[in-house]
Every structure is written in C-alpha cells, then in structure tokens.
Amino acid sequence: MTKLDQTAASAFWQFSLDVYARPQVAELCLALQDEHNFDVNAVLFCLWSAQRSAAALNQSEIGEVLLRIAPINENLVHPVRGARRWVRRYIDKVTDSEEAPELTALYAALKAVELKSEGQVQSALIDLLRPASVDHQTSPESAAHASLEIYRRAIAAHEAATILLTQLVVRAFAPDAEPKISQT
C-alpha cells in the first residue's frame, strides 16, 4: 500500500468511526446487515465516497466493491463474527462463574480480530476510490442515496431496506448530530 493509499485508508477508517458513532447509525447499519444482507463496510464506503466526491457510485462500481470484499468477508470477517456471536450467546447461558472470565476474554479477543478484519475490508476498498470532486454536481446526501439504492438493487434487498437506508443517510450527514459515546 502506498503512502497515499495509507492516508486514504486512515481517512476512510476515521470517517467510518465518526459516522458509526452518530446516534442510531450503528443500529441502522446492523439492521441493514442482519435483516437485509448489506455489508456495513460497503455501506460506509458508499457514504464516504459520496461525501468525498458528491457523485454516486454506478452499478459497475458497486459490483466491483462487492467483488473486492467478498473473499475477505467469506474467509475472515464472517467466520470470526460467527464465532464471536456464538461465544456471546454461550456467555449469556453460562452459569459457572469460573468459566465466565475466560469466555469474556475470548469474546474480547474475537471482537478485536473482527475489528481488524473489518479494517482489511476497508483497505481492499481503497483501490476503488475515485478522485475527490471539485465540481459538485449533486449533494453528498443525494449521491449517497443513489449509491445505496444501486447497492440495494445489486444485492436484491427488499424495498423495505430503502427506509433504513434513507434514515442512515440522514443520520450520517446530519450537521448537528453529536457522536454517541460508546459503552463498549
């Protein structure tokens, strides 16, 4: 990864953290992921790209995003997420207090690996970054709506996802939104 790519990857990661910390954004992203099969990093890339260039990603670009992240998700992110979620459910069932600290430590380790693997997904997307636009043809919000609708259609998500996507764009680009304070 070049120095420029590292800078872009860092900027994308920071954007993602900032947006994800806004009120209701995490909940909306997880609902899109769990109920409609969206990839949160692809959603965040659509938002970041719209914010940077004020232009929507087209169908071909969305296809490239999905193609680029598929192997990392299938072989790393999803298996680690599945293991982390399984451990969480197991912790909730465990009554043996001696076992709980070890499981809690395992859960934390899996969560850290999942977060690092999400970073790998984002790094893979940096190559797809288009130059930032100086001639804004549309608003970042409009570009985000358009990109996310193309993404919704590409994965054949139900139209009900459109409501969540609209709410997400509003929350992500709200000028007065204060980031929530993470409880984790």
N, C-alpha and C. Protein backbone atom coordinates (compact mmCIF):
# COMPACT_ATOMS: atom_id res chain seq x y z
N MET A 1 0.85 -1.17 0.00
CA MET A 1 0.00 0.00 0.00
C MET A 1 0.90 1.23 0.00
N THR A 2 0.62 2.14 -0.91
CA THR A 2 1.42 3.36 -0.99
C THR A 2 1.07 4.30 0.17
N LYS A 3 1.91 5.32 0.34
CA LYS A 3 1.66 6.32 1.39
C LYS A 3 0.31 7.00 1.17
N LEU A 4 -0.01 7.30 -0.09
CA LEU A 4 -1.29 7.92 -0.42
C LEU A 4 -2.45 6.98 -0.06
N ASP A 5 -2.29 5.68 -0.37
CA ASP A 5 -3.31 4.70 -0.01
C ASP A 5 -3.47 4.59 1.50
N GLN A 6 -2.35 4.63 2.22
CA GLN A 6 -2.41 4.57 3.68
C GLN A 6 -3.15 5.77 4.25
N THR A 7 -2.91 6.92 3.67
CA THR A 7 -3.59 8.14 4.11
C THR A 7 -5.09 8.01 3.83
N ALA A 8 -5.43 7.53 2.65
CA ALA A 8 -6.85 7.35 2.30
C ALA A 8 -7.49 6.29 3.20
N ALA A 9 -6.78 5.20 3.46
CA ALA A 9 -7.31 4.15 4.33
C ALA A 9 -7.55 4.69 5.74
N SER A 10 -6.63 5.49 6.21
CA SER A 10 -6.77 6.10 7.53
C SER A 10 -7.97 7.07 7.56
N ALA A 11 -8.11 7.85 6.50
CA ALA A 11 -9.23 8.80 6.42
C ALA A 11 -10.57 8.05 6.35
N PHE A 12 -10.62 6.96 5.58
CA PHE A 12 -11.84 6.16 5.47
C PHE A 12 -12.18 5.54 6.83
N TRP A 13 -11.18 5.00 7.51
CA TRP A 13 -11.39 4.39 8.82
C TRP A 13 -11.92 5.43 9.81
N GLN A 14 -11.31 6.62 9.81
CA GLN A 14 -11.75 7.67 10.74
C GLN A 14 -13.16 8.13 10.41
N PHE A 15 -13.46 8.31 9.12
CA PHE A 15 -14.81 8.65 8.70
C PHE A 15 -15.80 7.61 9.21
N SER A 16 -15.44 6.34 9.04
CA SER A 16 -16.32 5.25 9.47
C SER A 16 -16.57 5.29 10.97
N LEU A 17 -15.52 5.50 11.75
CA LEU A 17 -15.67 5.59 13.20
C LEU A 17 -16.56 6.76 13.59
N ASP A 18 -16.33 7.91 12.94
CA ASP A 18 -17.11 9.11 13.24
C ASP A 18 -18.59 8.92 12.90
N VAL A 19 -18.86 8.40 11.71
CA VAL A 19 -20.25 8.20 11.28
C VAL A 19 -20.92 7.13 12.13
N TYR A 20 -20.22 6.04 12.38
CA TYR A 20 -20.78 4.93 13.16
C TYR A 20 -21.13 5.37 14.58
N ALA A 21 -20.43 6.38 15.09
CA ALA A 21 -20.67 6.86 16.45
C ALA A 21 -21.86 7.81 16.54
N ARG A 22 -22.39 8.24 15.42
CA ARG A 22 -23.54 9.15 15.44
C ARG A 22 -24.78 8.41 15.94
N PRO A 23 -25.70 9.13 16.55
CA PRO A 23 -26.90 8.49 17.08
C PRO A 23 -27.63 7.66 16.02
N GLN A 24 -27.96 6.45 16.37
CA GLN A 24 -28.73 5.48 15.59
C GLN A 24 -28.01 4.91 14.38
N VAL A 25 -26.84 5.38 14.03
CA VAL A 25 -26.15 4.87 12.85
C VAL A 25 -25.75 3.41 13.03
N ALA A 26 -25.17 3.08 14.16
CA ALA A 26 -24.77 1.69 14.40
C ALA A 26 -25.98 0.76 14.30
N GLU A 27 -27.07 1.15 14.92
CA GLU A 27 -28.28 0.33 14.90
C GLU A 27 -28.80 0.15 13.48
N LEU A 28 -28.80 1.23 12.70
CA LEU A 28 -29.25 1.16 11.32
C LEU A 28 -28.33 0.26 10.49
N CYS A 29 -27.03 0.42 10.66
CA CYS A 29 -26.08 -0.41 9.92
C CYS A 29 -26.25 -1.89 10.26
N LEU A 30 -26.41 -2.19 11.53
CA LEU A 30 -26.58 -3.59 11.93
C LEU A 30 -27.90 -4.16 11.45
N ALA A 31 -28.95 -3.34 11.43
CA ALA A 31 -30.23 -3.80 10.88
C ALA A 31 -30.10 -4.09 9.38
N LEU A 32 -29.41 -3.22 8.67
CA LEU A 32 -29.18 -3.45 7.24
C LEU A 32 -28.37 -4.73 7.03
N GLN A 33 -27.37 -4.95 7.88
CA GLN A 33 -26.52 -6.15 7.79
C GLN A 33 -27.32 -7.41 8.12
N ASP A 34 -27.97 -7.40 9.26
CA ASP A 34 -28.61 -8.62 9.76
C ASP A 34 -29.95 -8.93 9.11
N GLU A 35 -30.69 -7.92 8.71
CA GLU A 35 -32.02 -8.14 8.15
C GLU A 35 -32.05 -8.11 6.62
N HIS A 36 -31.06 -7.44 5.99
CA HIS A 36 -31.13 -7.25 4.54
C HIS A 36 -29.84 -7.63 3.81
N ASN A 37 -28.87 -8.19 4.52
CA ASN A 37 -27.63 -8.70 3.90
C ASN A 37 -26.69 -7.63 3.35
N PHE A 38 -26.77 -6.42 3.84
CA PHE A 38 -25.82 -5.39 3.44
C PHE A 38 -24.50 -5.63 4.16
N ASP A 39 -23.42 -5.22 3.55
CA ASP A 39 -22.11 -5.21 4.20
C ASP A 39 -21.89 -3.81 4.75
N VAL A 40 -21.65 -3.70 6.04
CA VAL A 40 -21.52 -2.39 6.68
C VAL A 40 -20.36 -1.61 6.06
N ASN A 41 -19.24 -2.26 5.77
CA ASN A 41 -18.12 -1.53 5.17
C ASN A 41 -18.45 -1.03 3.77
N ALA A 42 -19.22 -1.79 3.01
CA ALA A 42 -19.64 -1.32 1.68
C ALA A 42 -20.58 -0.12 1.82
N VAL A 43 -21.48 -0.18 2.81
CA VAL A 43 -22.37 0.95 3.08
C VAL A 43 -21.55 2.19 3.45
N LEU A 44 -20.60 2.01 4.36
CA LEU A 44 -19.76 3.13 4.77
C LEU A 44 -18.92 3.66 3.60
N PHE A 45 -18.47 2.78 2.72
CA PHE A 45 -17.72 3.21 1.54
C PHE A 45 -18.62 4.06 0.63
N CYS A 46 -19.87 3.66 0.46
CA CYS A 46 -20.81 4.46 -0.34
C CYS A 46 -20.97 5.85 0.27
N LEU A 47 -21.11 5.90 1.59
CA LEU A 47 -21.27 7.19 2.27
C LEU A 47 -20.00 8.03 2.13
N TRP A 48 -18.85 7.42 2.35
CA TRP A 48 -17.58 8.14 2.29
C TRP A 48 -17.30 8.64 0.88
N SER A 49 -17.54 7.78 -0.09
CA SER A 49 -17.33 8.17 -1.48
C SER A 49 -18.23 9.35 -1.86
N ALA A 50 -19.48 9.29 -1.41
CA ALA A 50 -20.42 10.39 -1.69
C ALA A 50 -19.96 11.67 -1.02
N GLN A 51 -19.48 11.55 0.20
CA GLN A 51 -19.02 12.73 0.93
C GLN A 51 -17.79 13.34 0.24
N ARG A 52 -16.91 12.50 -0.27
CA ARG A 52 -15.68 12.98 -0.91
C ARG A 52 -15.92 13.55 -2.30
N SER A 53 -16.75 12.86 -3.09
CA SER A 53 -16.86 13.24 -4.50
C SER A 53 -18.19 13.85 -4.88
N ALA A 54 -19.19 13.74 -4.01
CA ALA A 54 -20.54 14.22 -4.31
C ALA A 54 -21.07 13.63 -5.61
N ALA A 55 -20.65 12.39 -5.87
CA ALA A 55 -21.14 11.67 -7.05
C ALA A 55 -21.46 10.24 -6.63
N ALA A 56 -22.53 9.71 -7.19
CA ALA A 56 -22.95 8.35 -6.85
C ALA A 56 -22.03 7.33 -7.51
N LEU A 57 -21.85 6.21 -6.83
CA LEU A 57 -21.19 5.08 -7.45
C LEU A 57 -22.18 4.46 -8.43
N ASN A 58 -21.68 4.02 -9.59
CA ASN A 58 -22.59 3.42 -10.56
C ASN A 58 -22.68 1.90 -10.32
N GLN A 59 -23.49 1.24 -11.10
CA GLN A 59 -23.72 -0.20 -10.94
C GLN A 59 -22.43 -0.99 -11.07
N SER A 60 -21.60 -0.63 -12.01
CA SER A 60 -20.32 -1.31 -12.20
C SER A 60 -19.41 -1.13 -10.99
N GLU A 61 -19.36 0.07 -10.47
CA GLU A 61 -18.52 0.34 -9.29
C GLU A 61 -19.03 -0.40 -8.06
N ILE A 62 -20.33 -0.44 -7.88
CA ILE A 62 -20.90 -1.21 -6.76
C ILE A 62 -20.55 -2.69 -6.94
N GLY A 63 -20.65 -3.18 -8.15
CA GLY A 63 -20.28 -4.57 -8.43
C GLY A 63 -18.83 -4.84 -8.07
N GLU A 64 -17.95 -3.90 -8.39
CA GLU A 64 -16.53 -4.05 -8.06
C GLU A 64 -16.31 -4.01 -6.55
N VAL A 65 -17.05 -3.16 -5.85
CA VAL A 65 -16.97 -3.12 -4.38
C VAL A 65 -17.31 -4.50 -3.81
N LEU A 66 -18.43 -5.05 -4.25
CA LEU A 66 -18.88 -6.34 -3.72
C LEU A 66 -17.92 -7.46 -4.08
N LEU A 67 -17.40 -7.42 -5.28
CA LEU A 67 -16.43 -8.43 -5.71
C LEU A 67 -15.13 -8.34 -4.90
N ARG A 68 -14.69 -7.14 -4.64
CA ARG A 68 -13.44 -6.92 -3.91
C ARG A 68 -13.52 -7.41 -2.46
N ILE A 69 -14.67 -7.20 -1.82
CA ILE A 69 -14.76 -7.54 -0.41
C ILE A 69 -15.22 -8.97 -0.14
N ALA A 70 -15.78 -9.63 -1.13
CA ALA A 70 -16.35 -10.97 -0.92
C ALA A 70 -15.36 -11.97 -0.32
N PRO A 71 -14.15 -12.12 -0.87
CA PRO A 71 -13.25 -13.14 -0.31
C PRO A 71 -12.84 -12.86 1.13
N ILE A 72 -12.64 -11.60 1.47
CA ILE A 72 -12.24 -11.24 2.83
C ILE A 72 -13.41 -11.51 3.79
N ASN A 73 -14.60 -11.15 3.36
CA ASN A 73 -15.77 -11.39 4.19
C ASN A 73 -16.03 -12.88 4.38
N GLU A 74 -16.00 -13.63 3.30
CA GLU A 74 -16.32 -15.06 3.37
C GLU A 74 -15.29 -15.86 4.16
N ASN A 75 -14.04 -15.49 4.05
CA ASN A 75 -12.97 -16.28 4.66
C ASN A 75 -12.45 -15.75 5.98
N LEU A 76 -12.78 -14.52 6.31
CA LEU A 76 -12.24 -13.93 7.53
C LEU A 76 -13.33 -13.28 8.38
N VAL A 77 -13.96 -12.25 7.88
CA VAL A 77 -14.90 -11.47 8.69
C VAL A 77 -16.07 -12.31 9.18
N HIS A 78 -16.76 -12.98 8.27
CA HIS A 78 -17.96 -13.72 8.65
C HIS A 78 -17.66 -14.88 9.61
N PRO A 79 -16.62 -15.69 9.37
CA PRO A 79 -16.33 -16.75 10.35
C PRO A 79 -15.97 -16.20 11.74
N VAL A 80 -15.19 -15.12 11.79
CA VAL A 80 -14.83 -14.55 13.09
C VAL A 80 -16.07 -13.96 13.75
N ARG A 81 -16.90 -13.27 12.98
CA ARG A 81 -18.14 -12.71 13.54
C ARG A 81 -19.04 -13.82 14.07
N GLY A 82 -19.15 -14.90 13.31
CA GLY A 82 -19.96 -16.03 13.77
C GLY A 82 -19.45 -16.61 15.07
N ALA A 83 -18.14 -16.77 15.18
CA ALA A 83 -17.55 -17.28 16.42
C ALA A 83 -17.78 -16.32 17.57
N ARG A 84 -17.59 -15.03 17.31
CA ARG A 84 -17.81 -14.02 18.37
C ARG A 84 -19.26 -14.05 18.85
N ARG A 85 -20.19 -14.10 17.92
CA ARG A 85 -21.60 -14.12 18.31
C ARG A 85 -21.95 -15.41 19.06
N TRP A 86 -21.37 -16.52 18.65
CA TRP A 86 -21.61 -17.78 19.35
C TRP A 86 -21.10 -17.68 20.79
N VAL A 87 -19.91 -17.15 20.97
CA VAL A 87 -19.36 -17.00 22.32
C VAL A 87 -20.25 -16.09 23.15
N ARG A 88 -20.75 -15.01 22.57
CA ARG A 88 -21.65 -14.11 23.30
C ARG A 88 -22.90 -14.85 23.79
N ARG A 89 -23.50 -15.64 22.89
CA ARG A 89 -24.69 -16.40 23.27
C ARG A 89 -24.34 -17.42 24.35
N TYR A 90 -23.18 -18.04 24.24
CA TYR A 90 -22.74 -19.03 25.22
C TYR A 90 -22.51 -18.37 26.58
N ILE A 91 -21.88 -17.21 26.58
CA ILE A 91 -21.66 -16.47 27.84
C ILE A 91 -23.00 -16.19 28.52
N ASP A 92 -23.98 -15.80 27.72
CA ASP A 92 -25.30 -15.48 28.28
C ASP A 92 -25.97 -16.69 28.93
N LYS A 93 -25.58 -17.90 28.50
CA LYS A 93 -26.16 -19.13 29.05
C LYS A 93 -25.35 -19.70 30.21
N VAL A 94 -24.09 -19.34 30.31
CA VAL A 94 -23.21 -19.94 31.31
C VAL A 94 -23.60 -19.48 32.71
N THR A 95 -23.69 -20.44 33.58
CA THR A 95 -23.97 -20.12 34.98
C THR A 95 -22.73 -20.32 35.85
N ASP A 96 -21.71 -20.98 35.28
CA ASP A 96 -20.47 -21.24 36.03
C ASP A 96 -19.63 -19.96 36.04
N SER A 97 -19.54 -19.35 37.19
CA SER A 97 -18.81 -18.08 37.28
C SER A 97 -17.32 -18.24 37.06
N GLU A 98 -16.77 -19.46 37.23
CA GLU A 98 -15.35 -19.68 36.99
C GLU A 98 -15.03 -19.64 35.49
N GLU A 99 -15.97 -20.06 34.68
CA GLU A 99 -15.78 -20.11 33.23
C GLU A 99 -15.99 -18.74 32.58
N ALA A 100 -16.80 -17.90 33.17
CA ALA A 100 -17.19 -16.62 32.58
C ALA A 100 -16.01 -15.70 32.26
N PRO A 101 -15.01 -15.52 33.15
CA PRO A 101 -13.91 -14.61 32.80
C PRO A 101 -13.11 -15.06 31.57
N GLU A 102 -12.89 -16.36 31.44
CA GLU A 102 -12.17 -16.86 30.26
C GLU A 102 -12.97 -16.62 28.99
N LEU A 103 -14.26 -16.86 29.07
CA LEU A 103 -15.12 -16.64 27.91
C LEU A 103 -15.22 -15.16 27.56
N THR A 104 -15.27 -14.34 28.56
CA THR A 104 -15.32 -12.90 28.33
C THR A 104 -14.03 -12.43 27.66
N ALA A 105 -12.90 -12.96 28.08
CA ALA A 105 -11.63 -12.62 27.44
C ALA A 105 -11.59 -13.12 26.00
N LEU A 106 -12.11 -14.31 25.77
CA LEU A 106 -12.18 -14.85 24.41
C LEU A 106 -13.07 -13.98 23.53
N TYR A 107 -14.21 -13.58 24.07
CA TYR A 107 -15.12 -12.70 23.34
C TYR A 107 -14.42 -11.40 22.95
N ALA A 108 -13.70 -10.81 23.88
CA ALA A 108 -12.99 -9.55 23.61
C ALA A 108 -11.93 -9.76 22.53
N ALA A 109 -11.23 -10.88 22.58
CA ALA A 109 -10.20 -11.17 21.58
C ALA A 109 -10.83 -11.35 20.20
N LEU A 110 -11.94 -12.07 20.14
CA LEU A 110 -12.62 -12.25 18.86
C LEU A 110 -13.15 -10.92 18.31
N LYS A 111 -13.65 -10.09 19.20
CA LYS A 111 -14.14 -8.77 18.78
C LYS A 111 -13.00 -7.94 18.20
N ALA A 112 -11.82 -8.01 18.81
CA ALA A 112 -10.65 -7.27 18.31
C ALA A 112 -10.22 -7.81 16.94
N VAL A 113 -10.24 -9.13 16.77
CA VAL A 113 -9.88 -9.72 15.47
C VAL A 113 -10.91 -9.33 14.41
N GLU A 114 -12.17 -9.34 14.79
CA GLU A 114 -13.22 -8.94 13.85
C GLU A 114 -13.01 -7.49 13.41
N LEU A 115 -12.70 -6.63 14.34
CA LEU A 115 -12.46 -5.22 14.01
C LEU A 115 -11.26 -5.07 13.07
N LYS A 116 -10.19 -5.82 13.35
CA LYS A 116 -9.01 -5.78 12.45
C LYS A 116 -9.37 -6.31 11.06
N SER A 117 -10.19 -7.35 11.01
CA SER A 117 -10.57 -7.89 9.71
C SER A 117 -11.46 -6.91 8.95
N GLU A 118 -12.28 -6.15 9.68
CA GLU A 118 -13.08 -5.09 9.04
C GLU A 118 -12.14 -4.04 8.43
N GLY A 119 -11.05 -3.75 9.12
CA GLY A 119 -10.05 -2.84 8.57
C GLY A 119 -9.44 -3.36 7.28
N GLN A 120 -9.27 -4.67 7.18
CA GLN A 120 -8.76 -5.27 5.94
C GLN A 120 -9.76 -5.09 4.80
N VAL A 121 -11.03 -5.20 5.11
CA VAL A 121 -12.06 -4.96 4.09
C VAL A 121 -11.95 -3.52 3.60
N GLN A 122 -11.84 -2.60 4.54
CA GLN A 122 -11.75 -1.19 4.14
C GLN A 122 -10.49 -0.93 3.32
N SER A 123 -9.37 -1.54 3.69
CA SER A 123 -8.13 -1.36 2.92
C SER A 123 -8.31 -1.87 1.49
N ALA A 124 -9.04 -2.97 1.34
CA ALA A 124 -9.28 -3.51 0.00
C ALA A 124 -10.11 -2.55 -0.85
N LEU A 125 -10.93 -1.75 -0.21
CA LEU A 125 -11.78 -0.81 -0.95
C LEU A 125 -11.05 0.45 -1.40
N ILE A 126 -9.94 0.75 -0.79
CA ILE A 126 -9.21 1.99 -1.10
C ILE A 126 -8.81 2.04 -2.57
N ASP A 127 -8.47 0.90 -3.15
CA ASP A 127 -8.08 0.88 -4.57
C ASP A 127 -9.20 1.35 -5.48
N LEU A 128 -10.42 1.28 -5.00
CA LEU A 128 -11.58 1.65 -5.81
C LEU A 128 -11.95 3.12 -5.68
N LEU A 129 -11.20 3.81 -4.85
CA LEU A 129 -11.51 5.21 -4.57
C LEU A 129 -11.35 6.07 -5.81
N ARG A 130 -12.36 6.85 -6.08
CA ARG A 130 -12.28 7.80 -7.20
C ARG A 130 -11.76 9.13 -6.66
N PRO A 131 -11.18 9.93 -7.50
CA PRO A 131 -10.69 11.24 -7.04
C PRO A 131 -11.82 12.09 -6.48
N ALA A 132 -11.49 12.88 -5.48
CA ALA A 132 -12.48 13.79 -4.90
C ALA A 132 -12.88 14.82 -5.95
N SER A 133 -14.14 15.11 -5.99
CA SER A 133 -14.67 16.05 -6.97
C SER A 133 -14.51 17.48 -6.46
N VAL A 134 -14.16 18.36 -7.38
CA VAL A 134 -14.14 19.79 -7.04
C VAL A 134 -15.37 20.48 -7.61
N ASP A 135 -16.01 19.84 -8.57
CA ASP A 135 -17.22 20.37 -9.19
C ASP A 135 -18.40 19.51 -8.76
N HIS A 136 -18.98 19.84 -7.62
CA HIS A 136 -20.07 19.05 -7.06
C HIS A 136 -21.32 19.19 -7.93
N GLN A 137 -21.69 18.09 -8.57
CA GLN A 137 -22.89 18.07 -9.41
C GLN A 137 -24.15 17.86 -8.58
N THR A 138 -23.98 17.29 -7.41
CA THR A 138 -25.10 16.98 -6.53
C THR A 138 -24.60 17.06 -5.10
N SER A 139 -25.50 16.94 -4.17
CA SER A 139 -25.10 16.96 -2.77
C SER A 139 -24.56 15.59 -2.37
N PRO A 140 -23.71 15.55 -1.36
CA PRO A 140 -23.25 14.24 -0.87
C PRO A 140 -24.41 13.35 -0.44
N GLU A 141 -25.44 13.94 0.14
CA GLU A 141 -26.60 13.16 0.57
C GLU A 141 -27.30 12.51 -0.62
N SER A 142 -27.50 13.27 -1.69
CA SER A 142 -28.13 12.72 -2.90
C SER A 142 -27.27 11.63 -3.52
N ALA A 143 -25.97 11.87 -3.55
CA ALA A 143 -25.05 10.86 -4.09
C ALA A 143 -25.09 9.59 -3.24
N ALA A 144 -25.12 9.74 -1.93
CA ALA A 144 -25.19 8.58 -1.03
C ALA A 144 -26.49 7.81 -1.26
N HIS A 145 -27.61 8.52 -1.33
CA HIS A 145 -28.90 7.86 -1.60
C HIS A 145 -28.82 7.04 -2.89
N ALA A 146 -28.29 7.66 -3.94
CA ALA A 146 -28.22 6.98 -5.23
C ALA A 146 -27.31 5.76 -5.17
N SER A 147 -26.15 5.90 -4.56
CA SER A 147 -25.22 4.76 -4.45
C SER A 147 -25.85 3.62 -3.65
N LEU A 148 -26.47 3.96 -2.54
CA LEU A 148 -27.05 2.92 -1.68
C LEU A 148 -28.25 2.25 -2.34
N GLU A 149 -28.99 2.98 -3.15
CA GLU A 149 -30.10 2.36 -3.88
C GLU A 149 -29.57 1.40 -4.93
N ILE A 150 -28.50 1.78 -5.61
CA ILE A 150 -27.88 0.87 -6.58
C ILE A 150 -27.36 -0.37 -5.87
N TYR A 151 -26.76 -0.17 -4.70
CA TYR A 151 -26.28 -1.29 -3.89
C TYR A 151 -27.45 -2.20 -3.48
N ARG A 152 -28.56 -1.60 -3.02
CA ARG A 152 -29.73 -2.38 -2.62
C ARG A 152 -30.22 -3.27 -3.76
N ARG A 153 -30.29 -2.69 -4.93
CA ARG A 153 -30.73 -3.45 -6.10
C ARG A 153 -29.73 -4.54 -6.47
N ALA A 154 -28.44 -4.24 -6.34
CA ALA A 154 -27.40 -5.21 -6.71
C ALA A 154 -27.46 -6.46 -5.84
N ILE A 155 -27.84 -6.30 -4.58
CA ILE A 155 -27.92 -7.47 -3.71
C ILE A 155 -29.35 -7.98 -3.58
N ALA A 156 -30.26 -7.41 -4.34
CA ALA A 156 -31.67 -7.79 -4.35
C ALA A 156 -32.29 -7.71 -2.96
N ALA A 157 -31.91 -6.69 -2.21
CA ALA A 157 -32.52 -6.48 -0.89
C ALA A 157 -33.93 -5.95 -1.07
N HIS A 158 -34.78 -6.32 -0.17
CA HIS A 158 -36.18 -5.91 -0.21
C HIS A 158 -36.29 -4.39 -0.18
N GLU A 159 -37.34 -3.87 -0.80
CA GLU A 159 -37.54 -2.41 -0.82
C GLU A 159 -37.69 -1.82 0.57
N ALA A 160 -38.05 -2.64 1.55
CA ALA A 160 -38.17 -2.15 2.92
C ALA A 160 -36.84 -1.61 3.43
N ALA A 161 -35.75 -2.08 2.87
CA ALA A 161 -34.42 -1.59 3.25
C ALA A 161 -34.26 -0.12 2.90
N THR A 162 -35.00 0.37 1.92
CA THR A 162 -34.90 1.76 1.50
C THR A 162 -35.17 2.72 2.65
N ILE A 163 -36.10 2.37 3.51
CA ILE A 163 -36.41 3.22 4.66
C ILE A 163 -35.20 3.32 5.58
N LEU A 164 -34.58 2.18 5.86
CA LEU A 164 -33.38 2.19 6.71
C LEU A 164 -32.25 2.96 6.05
N LEU A 165 -32.08 2.79 4.75
CA LEU A 165 -31.02 3.49 4.03
C LEU A 165 -31.25 5.00 4.08
N THR A 166 -32.49 5.43 3.91
CA THR A 166 -32.80 6.85 3.98
C THR A 166 -32.51 7.40 5.37
N GLN A 167 -32.93 6.68 6.39
CA GLN A 167 -32.64 7.10 7.76
C GLN A 167 -31.13 7.17 8.01
N LEU A 168 -30.41 6.20 7.47
CA LEU A 168 -28.95 6.18 7.64
C LEU A 168 -28.30 7.41 7.01
N VAL A 169 -28.68 7.74 5.80
CA VAL A 169 -28.10 8.90 5.13
C VAL A 169 -28.40 10.18 5.92
N VAL A 170 -29.61 10.30 6.40
CA VAL A 170 -29.98 11.48 7.20
C VAL A 170 -29.09 11.55 8.43
N ARG A 171 -28.93 10.44 9.14
CA ARG A 171 -28.12 10.42 10.35
C ARG A 171 -26.64 10.63 10.05
N ALA A 172 -26.17 10.03 8.97
CA ALA A 172 -24.74 10.10 8.63
C ALA A 172 -24.32 11.51 8.24
N PHE A 173 -25.21 12.25 7.60
CA PHE A 173 -24.85 13.58 7.10
C PHE A 173 -25.48 14.72 7.90
N ALA A 174 -26.15 14.40 8.98
CA ALA A 174 -26.78 15.44 9.80
C ALA A 174 -25.70 16.35 10.37
N PRO A 175 -25.78 17.65 10.09
CA PRO A 175 -24.72 18.57 10.54
C PRO A 175 -24.67 18.74 12.05
N ASP A 176 -25.79 18.56 12.72
CA ASP A 176 -25.82 18.81 14.15
C ASP A 176 -25.79 17.53 15.00
N ALA A 177 -25.56 16.39 14.35
CA ALA A 177 -25.55 15.12 15.09
C ALA A 177 -24.29 15.01 15.93
N GLU A 178 -24.48 14.73 17.19
CA GLU A 178 -23.37 14.52 18.11
C GLU A 178 -23.06 13.03 18.13
N PRO A 179 -21.79 12.65 18.06
CA PRO A 179 -21.47 11.22 18.16
C PRO A 179 -21.92 10.68 19.51
N LYS A 180 -22.39 9.43 19.48
CA LYS A 180 -22.75 8.80 20.75
C LYS A 180 -21.47 8.36 21.44
N ILE A 181 -21.54 8.19 22.71
CA ILE A 181 -20.39 7.72 23.47
C ILE A 181 -20.53 6.21 23.58
N SER A 182 -19.51 5.50 23.11
CA SER A 182 -19.54 4.05 23.10
C SER A 182 -19.51 3.50 24.52
N GLN A 183 -20.34 2.49 24.74
CA GLN A 183 -20.41 1.85 26.04
C GLN A 183 -19.54 0.60 26.09
N THR A 184 -18.88 0.24 25.00
CA THR A 184 -18.09 -0.99 24.97
C THR A 184 -16.65 -0.76 25.29
